[in-house]
């Protein structure tokens, strides 16, 4: 009898503890329909929830993967949660939609049994009662209409908020307008998406609509009215997105209702974005993004950057009248917003530095922009009508790196190699410090080349402090050039005597190594100027190409003259200056002209 009494007491105690502590294990399938925790007689809070539910996309197709984030505002934590996707219609039923996938140990999948129907993996809950400030899961979209994500947050046993909603996600292929679109027409859609070859006009909603666009008209974004009827921010004063595909452009027009109409255009492989910052450094910046989702469709996103990491997605808020397009790789979007520019407390003058960044994306996730953003010269108010140009700010270390590499491999290195190849007769038998004059000139110029290369190589690592993952082959080739540049003088120091029987091996190896370094250095310079991408017509790259052609022409001419001399076909004219020496003077003048032009280009970055 006593054992039975103890058993009953233990059972009652366990039941009481479960009721008191809630469900720390998160197995709350019984709450799927109501989304209310079974916390005795406690009722949910009616104040504004200190939590938010954020979806990575504002539109979807069946089968899309949407990232959903549960986050506490200002670091507020929660112990438990229940998340489902429901229809956005006001007469919403308690039926969960789609299926979830977990991405962390803080979340687990639930099977919801509602009215005798089992919905597999249709909800997500916590796995423990530990404090959490953010949880992220993935939702696999089902064949449904417009939806919202809804969550219940449990702060502590007696304090919880239920039916905390995300922004509405629009079904991309629902209710297509009777108008049939073709490959060369713009289509007006009433929340729908046109086919893959049309521009999209979205009726006023508070969410964006996705579309992939390839057509002749697109969105009519141009520089007309810049400085007279609208504020414009562009890469240079003549940039016009209506006629120039490489024009990166943003404009804002104040609206009567207190909002602003934004237009954005630029060539990109994944997204374009405009940021608003208190300084010229990345971090603590409000951002609007026009980018591709995992289906290649364009969507508008609102985000907040906390540094050189992936921006934090925020609710789209009061954004409507959205138009998006992707015409031959040029991403465009326009929309009205009544949101405050800043999501955090800032100065009251509404002035910001503007950032225009663009780059690739992967499955709807934006990646780090490979190029430095365009930045406004000073803080501006986007409601004040004016037109300004942006710039890409290069640090003094990067500029010095670029200049040293140009001097090393355009001038000192090239001249030193030509002297060793064609002008061993300079100074005749005269010597300086026991060596022929040509050799001393060659040695001096190559020492300068190696020193400039080493200093430039070190400076770029001091500036970046890490490997440049998004700079393509430029840093790889740069490291190869640096390595070969160090090997070359070591081999020269170890060379055999001039009369040694194996001296020819050194000569051949030394010449081949010099040619390899020269070719790789030129390729590295081209890649470096492509990274800088200074102006719209890319004239620095063209100048560098002209220099290469100039050098090949002069080198070939000197080879012909040398061949004629060796074959005794050249008749020496009784003149004080040899033709090859005159040619060398011409080469020096041209070399310096190209070098100065490119140094000016670097100074303009």
Foldseek 3Di string as FASTA:
>chain_A
DVVVVVVVVVVVVVVVVCLCQFPFQWQVLVCLFVLDTNNPPFDEDPDDAQKAKEWLAQADEQQAKIKIKIFGHPQQWFQKKKKFKWAPDPVTGSDGFFAKAADDQQKDFYWHQDPNDTRGRGMMMGRGRDIDGMGMIMTRGHPDAKIWMWMKTHRGSRYIHGRRIARIYGYAAPDFDPDADDQAEEDEGDNYEHAQRHWYWYAWDLFWHWHHHAYDCHDPFWCPCALNQKDKEWADPPAIVNPAQAIWIKIWGQDPVRKIKIKTKHFEAFKKKKWWAADPFWAQIWMWMFGQALVGITTIWTFTGHHQDFTHTDGSANKTRKIWYQYPRMTIIMIIGNDDRHPDDDDPPQWTKMWMAHYHAHNGGDDGGLAATFIFPDTDHRHDRHYGYTARDDDPLLLLLLLLLCCLQLPLLLLLVCLVVQPQCVPNPDDDPPHRPSVVSSVVSLVSSLVSLVSSLVSVCVVVVDDSPSLPCLVVLSVVLNVLSVVLVVLVVVQDDPPDPCNVVSVVVNVVSSVVSSVSSLVSSLSVLVNPCGDSVSVLSVLSVVSVVLSVVLVVVSVVVVVCVVVVVDDDDPDPDDPNVVSVVVNNVSSVVSSVVNSVSSVRD
